[in-house]
Amino acid sequence: MYLPQGAFAPVPTPFSPTGSIEGFALRAHLAWLEQEGLQGALILGTNGEFPSLTFAEKRAVAYAAARSGNGDASQQRTKLQLMLCVGSCALGEVIELCGVAKENGYDSVLCPPPWYFRNASVAGTAAFFRRVLDASKLPVLLYHIPQLTGMPISDELLAAIGEHPNLAGIKDSTGDDAELARLSRHFKGKAYMVGSDKLIAPAYAAGGTGSITAAASVVPDLVASIKARPDQQGKLNSVRGLLEKFGLGGAVKAILRKKGLGAYAARPPLMNLEAAAEQQLFSMLDMFGAVKW
């Protein structure tokens, strides 16, 4: 079974000022990430604002991302490993999105729990995941981000899901050392993908296969270097801390706008950074010399 490996970026979805999706901007961003040495990209993840998109928009984004290679966009496929987040509280929609991923040549899918039903039983949540695992034609990773879903991927839930030939691993976005230790042990021999920039080196040391982290969208070369050069973790921590200071999603989009990759506007309820905050962010980033303008 395919297992995702290396540094992935959870890319933001580029919106125009009127709220439409700029497919050209997504393709340009992914092409740049590939040139900078990144190994993969997560499409429609949390940073991709998937809860804000209709099903038709999700399909359009998935299609555009899969055709982001050099040359004719209608013919080329990016060389990046591609993972599609299929998050939805509607089981049928999750399964349809798994089909969209397969149709468009994705390598794997990422599935969060059905967060609206956070009071569902462990047995019911396990049944949800097993239906997805049974239906997907691609390897499935579970998405552990309880700070947003309110539904942790607990040991009890993992036991209820049990072994499944389609269960490829997990993305752990808790940023918690204890969760890293627990889940990297559980998914030994499968894919443990850490979701915190600050834990990439520790994750590799614990046997993790890679990372899916926000800073990879703007400093891909730095993130990709951590596996071979764990001494660079401190520099990455500084960049990530700065992004968080200004608001992670807004800061990433502001950087991509400054790089000329597209409008990268916010879609309410999220908001763009104010102009003064953007300039302060750029000045502070210049001190680190990490971002290539």
Protein backbone atom coordinates (compact mmCIF):
# COMPACT_ATOMS: atom_id res chain seq x y z
CA MET A 1 0.00 0.00 0.00
CA TYR A 2 1.20 3.51 -0.82
CA LEU A 3 2.25 5.51 2.25
CA PRO A 4 2.82 9.28 2.04
CA GLN A 5 6.38 10.30 2.87
CA GLY A 6 8.28 13.55 3.22
CA ALA A 7 7.29 17.18 3.61
CA PHE A 8 3.77 18.17 2.50
CA ALA A 9 2.11 21.61 2.45
CA PRO A 10 -1.56 21.94 3.44
CA VAL A 11 -2.14 24.52 0.75
CA PRO A 12 -4.66 27.35 1.15
CA THR A 13 -7.50 27.64 -1.32
CA PRO A 14 -7.01 30.84 -3.36
CA PHE A 15 -10.13 33.00 -3.47
CA SER A 16 -10.57 36.10 -5.61
CA PRO A 17 -11.82 39.30 -3.93
CA THR A 18 -15.35 38.33 -5.02
CA GLY A 19 -15.05 34.85 -3.52
CA SER A 20 -14.49 32.72 -6.62
CA ILE A 21 -11.70 30.15 -6.78
CA GLU A 22 -8.54 31.11 -8.68
CA GLY A 23 -7.41 27.82 -10.18
CA PHE A 24 -4.41 29.46 -11.86
CA ALA A 25 -3.13 30.64 -8.46
CA LEU A 26 -3.41 27.16 -6.98
CA ARG A 27 -1.52 25.67 -9.92
CA ALA A 28 1.20 28.33 -9.67
CA HIS A 29 1.61 27.74 -5.95
CA LEU A 30 1.91 23.98 -6.33
CA ALA A 31 4.40 24.32 -9.20
CA TRP A 32 6.56 26.57 -7.00
CA LEU A 33 6.37 24.13 -4.06
CA GLU A 34 7.54 21.34 -6.36
CA GLN A 35 10.46 23.45 -7.60
CA GLU A 36 11.47 24.20 -4.01
CA GLY A 37 11.86 20.51 -3.18
CA LEU A 38 8.63 19.72 -1.36
CA GLN A 39 7.41 16.15 -1.66
CA GLY A 40 3.66 16.54 -1.43
CA ALA A 41 0.57 18.68 -0.88
CA LEU A 42 -2.67 18.32 1.02
CA ILE A 43 -5.61 19.82 -0.88
CA LEU A 44 -8.73 21.08 0.93
CA GLY A 45 -7.34 20.58 4.42
CA THR A 46 -7.92 22.92 7.33
CA ASN A 47 -5.67 25.55 5.74
CA GLY A 48 -7.62 24.96 2.53
CA GLU A 49 -10.80 26.05 4.37
CA PHE A 50 -12.72 22.98 3.23
CA PRO A 51 -15.78 23.66 5.44
CA SER A 52 -16.28 26.92 3.47
CA LEU A 53 -16.60 25.20 0.10
CA THR A 54 -19.58 23.66 -1.66
CA PHE A 55 -19.24 20.18 -3.11
CA ALA A 56 -18.93 21.64 -6.61
CA GLU A 57 -16.16 23.95 -5.45
CA LYS A 58 -14.32 21.08 -3.78
CA ARG A 59 -14.47 19.10 -7.00
CA ALA A 60 -13.14 22.10 -8.96
CA VAL A 61 -10.24 22.63 -6.52
CA ALA A 62 -9.35 18.93 -6.60
CA TYR A 63 -9.32 19.00 -10.39
CA ALA A 64 -7.20 22.17 -10.62
CA ALA A 65 -4.62 20.93 -8.12
CA ALA A 66 -4.10 17.64 -9.96
CA ARG A 67 -3.22 19.56 -13.12
CA SER A 68 -0.62 21.92 -11.72
CA GLY A 69 2.49 20.62 -13.49
CA ASN A 70 4.59 22.55 -15.95
CA GLY A 71 3.20 22.98 -19.45
CA ASP A 72 -0.41 22.73 -20.60
CA ALA A 73 -2.47 22.73 -17.41
CA SER A 74 -5.12 20.53 -19.01
CA GLN A 75 -2.60 17.77 -19.72
CA GLN A 76 0.07 17.87 -17.02
CA ARG A 77 -0.11 16.40 -13.55
CA THR A 78 2.07 17.67 -10.73
CA LYS A 79 4.85 15.38 -9.56
CA LEU A 80 3.96 16.16 -5.96
CA GLN A 81 2.33 13.41 -3.94
CA LEU A 82 -1.27 14.58 -3.61
CA MET A 83 -3.61 13.98 -0.70
CA LEU A 84 -7.23 15.16 -0.69
CA CYS A 85 -9.06 15.95 2.53
CA VAL A 86 -12.53 14.43 2.20
CA GLY A 87 -13.91 16.01 5.35
CA SER A 88 -17.68 16.26 5.73
CA CYS A 89 -20.28 15.30 8.30
CA ALA A 90 -22.27 13.65 5.49
CA LEU A 91 -20.99 10.12 4.95
CA GLY A 92 -22.23 10.05 1.37
CA GLU A 93 -20.32 13.22 0.52
CA VAL A 94 -17.12 11.83 2.06
CA ILE A 95 -17.43 8.74 -0.13
CA GLU A 96 -18.12 10.88 -3.22
CA LEU A 97 -15.01 12.95 -2.49
CA CYS A 98 -12.98 9.74 -2.23
CA GLY A 99 -14.19 9.03 -5.77
CA VAL A 100 -13.17 12.54 -6.89
CA ALA A 101 -9.68 11.89 -5.52
CA LYS A 102 -9.41 8.61 -7.38
CA GLU A 103 -10.70 10.12 -10.64
CA ASN A 104 -8.10 12.89 -10.50
CA GLY A 105 -5.07 10.74 -9.76
CA TYR A 106 -4.57 11.51 -6.06
CA ASP A 107 -2.37 9.20 -4.03
CA SER A 108 -4.33 9.18 -0.76
CA VAL A 109 -7.19 10.80 1.15
CA LEU A 110 -7.41 12.34 4.61
CA CYS A 111 -10.59 11.84 6.63
CA PRO A 112 -11.50 13.76 9.80
CA PRO A 113 -14.30 12.53 12.08
CA PRO A 114 -17.84 13.88 11.52
CA TRP A 115 -17.31 16.79 13.91
CA TYR A 116 -20.90 18.01 14.20
CA PHE A 117 -21.78 14.70 15.82
CA ARG A 118 -19.21 15.02 18.59
CA ASN A 119 -21.52 13.25 21.03
CA ALA A 120 -21.74 10.16 18.83
CA SER A 121 -20.68 6.87 20.39
CA VAL A 122 -17.27 5.37 19.74
CA ALA A 123 -19.02 2.52 17.93
CA GLY A 124 -20.89 4.96 15.69
CA THR A 125 -17.76 6.97 14.85
CA ALA A 126 -15.86 3.76 14.12
CA ALA A 127 -18.70 2.65 11.82
CA PHE A 128 -18.39 5.99 9.96
CA PHE A 129 -14.67 5.47 9.39
CA ARG A 130 -15.05 1.84 8.38
CA ARG A 131 -17.64 2.77 5.75
CA VAL A 132 -15.13 5.26 4.32
CA LEU A 133 -12.32 2.71 4.45
CA ASP A 134 -14.47 0.12 2.70
CA ALA A 135 -15.54 2.53 -0.05
CA SER A 136 -12.32 4.37 -0.83
CA LYS A 137 -10.20 3.18 -3.75
CA LEU A 138 -7.23 5.04 -2.26
CA PRO A 139 -5.31 4.67 1.02
CA VAL A 140 -7.00 6.57 3.86
CA LEU A 141 -5.34 8.55 6.65
CA LEU A 142 -7.30 9.55 9.74
CA TYR A 143 -7.21 13.24 10.69
CA HIS A 144 -6.54 13.89 14.37
CA ILE A 145 -7.27 17.56 15.12
CA PRO A 146 -9.47 17.50 18.24
CA GLN A 147 -8.92 21.19 18.97
CA LEU A 148 -11.23 21.86 16.00
CA THR A 149 -13.36 18.74 15.67
CA GLY A 150 -13.85 18.01 19.36
CA MET A 151 -13.47 14.31 18.43
CA PRO A 152 -10.05 12.83 19.20
CA ILE A 153 -8.71 9.73 17.48
CA SER A 154 -8.42 7.89 20.78
CA ASP A 155 -7.01 4.45 21.51
CA GLU A 156 -10.59 3.29 22.11
CA LEU A 157 -11.67 4.53 18.70
CA LEU A 158 -8.67 2.96 16.97
CA ALA A 159 -9.45 -0.36 18.65
CA ALA A 160 -13.08 -0.10 17.48
CA ILE A 161 -12.00 0.64 13.90
CA GLY A 162 -9.59 -2.28 14.05
CA GLU A 163 -7.27 -3.42 11.31
CA HIS A 164 -8.24 -2.50 7.77
CA PRO A 165 -6.21 -2.98 4.59
CA ASN A 166 -7.05 0.57 3.46
CA LEU A 167 -5.99 2.33 6.68
CA ALA A 168 -2.66 3.93 5.74
CA GLY A 169 -1.97 6.09 8.78
CA ILE A 170 -2.80 9.35 10.51
CA LYS A 171 -2.18 13.08 10.41
CA ASP A 172 -1.64 14.32 13.96
CA SER A 173 -2.27 18.06 14.23
CA THR A 174 -2.43 18.32 18.02
CA GLY A 175 1.11 19.69 18.40
CA ASP A 176 1.35 17.54 21.53
CA ASP A 177 4.51 15.55 22.32
CA ALA A 178 2.48 12.91 24.15
CA GLU A 179 0.18 12.41 21.17
CA LEU A 180 3.20 12.16 18.88
CA ALA A 181 4.59 9.36 21.04
CA ARG A 182 1.24 7.55 21.28
CA LEU A 183 0.27 7.70 17.63
CA SER A 184 3.71 7.14 16.11
CA ARG A 185 3.85 3.90 18.11
CA HIS A 186 0.36 2.88 17.05
CA PHE A 187 1.03 3.53 13.36
CA LYS A 188 4.51 2.04 13.28
CA GLY A 189 4.93 0.50 9.84
CA LYS A 190 2.29 2.86 8.44
CA ALA A 191 2.24 6.63 7.87
CA TYR A 192 2.54 8.94 10.83
CA MET A 193 2.37 12.50 9.44
CA VAL A 194 2.88 15.25 11.99
CA GLY A 195 0.83 18.42 11.57
CA SER A 196 2.92 20.78 13.68
CA ASP A 197 5.92 22.59 12.19
CA LYS A 198 7.53 22.62 15.64
CA LEU A 199 7.52 18.81 15.92
CA ILE A 200 8.91 17.77 12.53
CA ALA A 201 12.38 16.75 13.74
CA PRO A 202 10.98 14.90 16.80
CA ALA A 203 8.46 13.14 14.57
CA TYR A 204 11.17 11.83 12.25
CA ALA A 205 13.20 10.76 15.29
CA ALA A 206 10.18 8.78 16.51
CA GLY A 207 9.85 6.97 13.17
CA GLY A 208 7.31 9.25 11.51
CA THR A 209 7.13 9.23 7.73
CA GLY A 210 6.65 12.95 7.15
CA SER A 211 4.90 16.23 7.88
CA ILE A 212 1.90 18.23 6.69
CA THR A 213 2.48 21.68 8.12
CA ALA A 214 1.39 25.23 7.40
CA ALA A 215 4.85 26.79 7.08
CA ALA A 216 5.58 24.46 4.17
CA SER A 217 3.29 26.62 2.03
CA VAL A 218 5.64 29.60 2.36
CA VAL A 219 9.08 28.20 3.35
CA PRO A 220 8.98 24.83 1.56
CA ASP A 221 12.75 24.50 1.25
CA LEU A 222 13.24 25.00 4.99
CA VAL A 223 10.55 22.47 5.92
CA ALA A 224 11.86 19.94 3.40
CA SER A 225 15.36 20.27 4.86
CA ILE A 226 14.44 19.18 8.39
CA LYS A 227 14.67 15.44 7.79
CA ALA A 228 18.32 15.66 6.72
CA ARG A 229 19.14 18.69 8.86
CA PRO A 230 17.25 18.55 12.18
CA ASP A 231 19.46 21.42 13.38
CA GLN A 232 17.24 23.68 11.23
CA GLN A 233 14.25 22.96 13.50
CA GLY A 234 14.97 26.04 15.62
CA LYS A 235 14.84 28.35 12.59
CA LEU A 236 11.57 26.77 11.48
CA ASN A 237 10.16 27.21 15.00
CA SER A 238 10.89 30.94 14.76
CA VAL A 239 9.13 31.25 11.40
CA ARG A 240 6.12 29.27 12.62
CA GLY A 241 5.91 31.36 15.79
CA LEU A 242 5.85 34.53 13.70
CA LEU A 243 3.07 33.19 11.47
CA GLU A 244 1.04 32.31 14.55
CA LYS A 245 1.61 35.78 16.02
CA PHE A 246 -0.17 37.35 13.05
CA GLY A 247 -2.75 34.59 12.59
CA LEU A 248 -1.66 31.49 10.72
CA GLY A 249 -4.11 31.39 7.81
CA GLY A 250 -4.09 35.13 7.20
CA ALA A 251 -0.31 35.32 7.39
CA VAL A 252 0.20 32.50 4.88
CA LYS A 253 -2.20 34.10 2.40
CA ALA A 254 -0.57 37.51 2.83
CA ILE A 255 2.82 36.02 1.95
CA LEU A 256 1.43 34.28 -1.14
CA ARG A 257 -0.17 37.55 -2.28
CA LYS A 258 3.14 39.38 -1.87
CA LYS A 259 4.84 36.66 -3.91
CA GLY A 260 2.43 37.47 -6.74
CA LEU A 261 0.79 34.05 -6.87
CA GLY A 262 -2.78 35.35 -6.77
CA ALA A 263 -5.26 37.44 -4.78
CA TYR A 264 -5.54 34.87 -1.98
CA ALA A 265 -8.45 36.75 -0.46
CA ALA A 266 -10.21 35.54 2.66
CA ARG A 267 -13.72 34.11 2.60
CA PRO A 268 -15.87 35.12 5.58
CA PRO A 269 -15.95 34.37 8.41
CA LEU A 270 -12.15 34.53 7.98
CA MET A 271 -10.53 37.89 7.27
CA ASN A 272 -7.38 39.17 5.55
CA LEU A 273 -4.65 40.80 7.60
CA GLU A 274 -4.85 44.58 7.75
CA ALA A 275 -2.28 46.40 5.61
CA ALA A 276 -0.22 47.59 8.59
CA ALA A 277 -0.05 44.08 10.02
CA GLU A 278 1.03 42.70 6.64
CA GLN A 279 3.92 45.14 6.41
CA GLN A 280 5.00 44.33 9.94
CA LEU A 281 4.88 40.61 9.14
CA PHE A 282 6.98 41.06 6.00
CA SER A 283 9.57 43.16 7.83
CA MET A 284 9.92 40.56 10.59
CA LEU A 285 10.18 37.72 8.08
CA ASP A 286 12.98 39.58 6.31
CA MET A 287 14.94 39.43 9.56
CA PHE A 288 14.93 35.62 9.35
CA GLY A 289 15.74 35.58 5.64
CA ALA A 290 13.60 32.48 5.26
CA VAL A 291 10.97 33.58 2.72
CA LYS A 292 11.98 33.96 -0.94
CA TRP A 293 10.11 36.97 -2.33
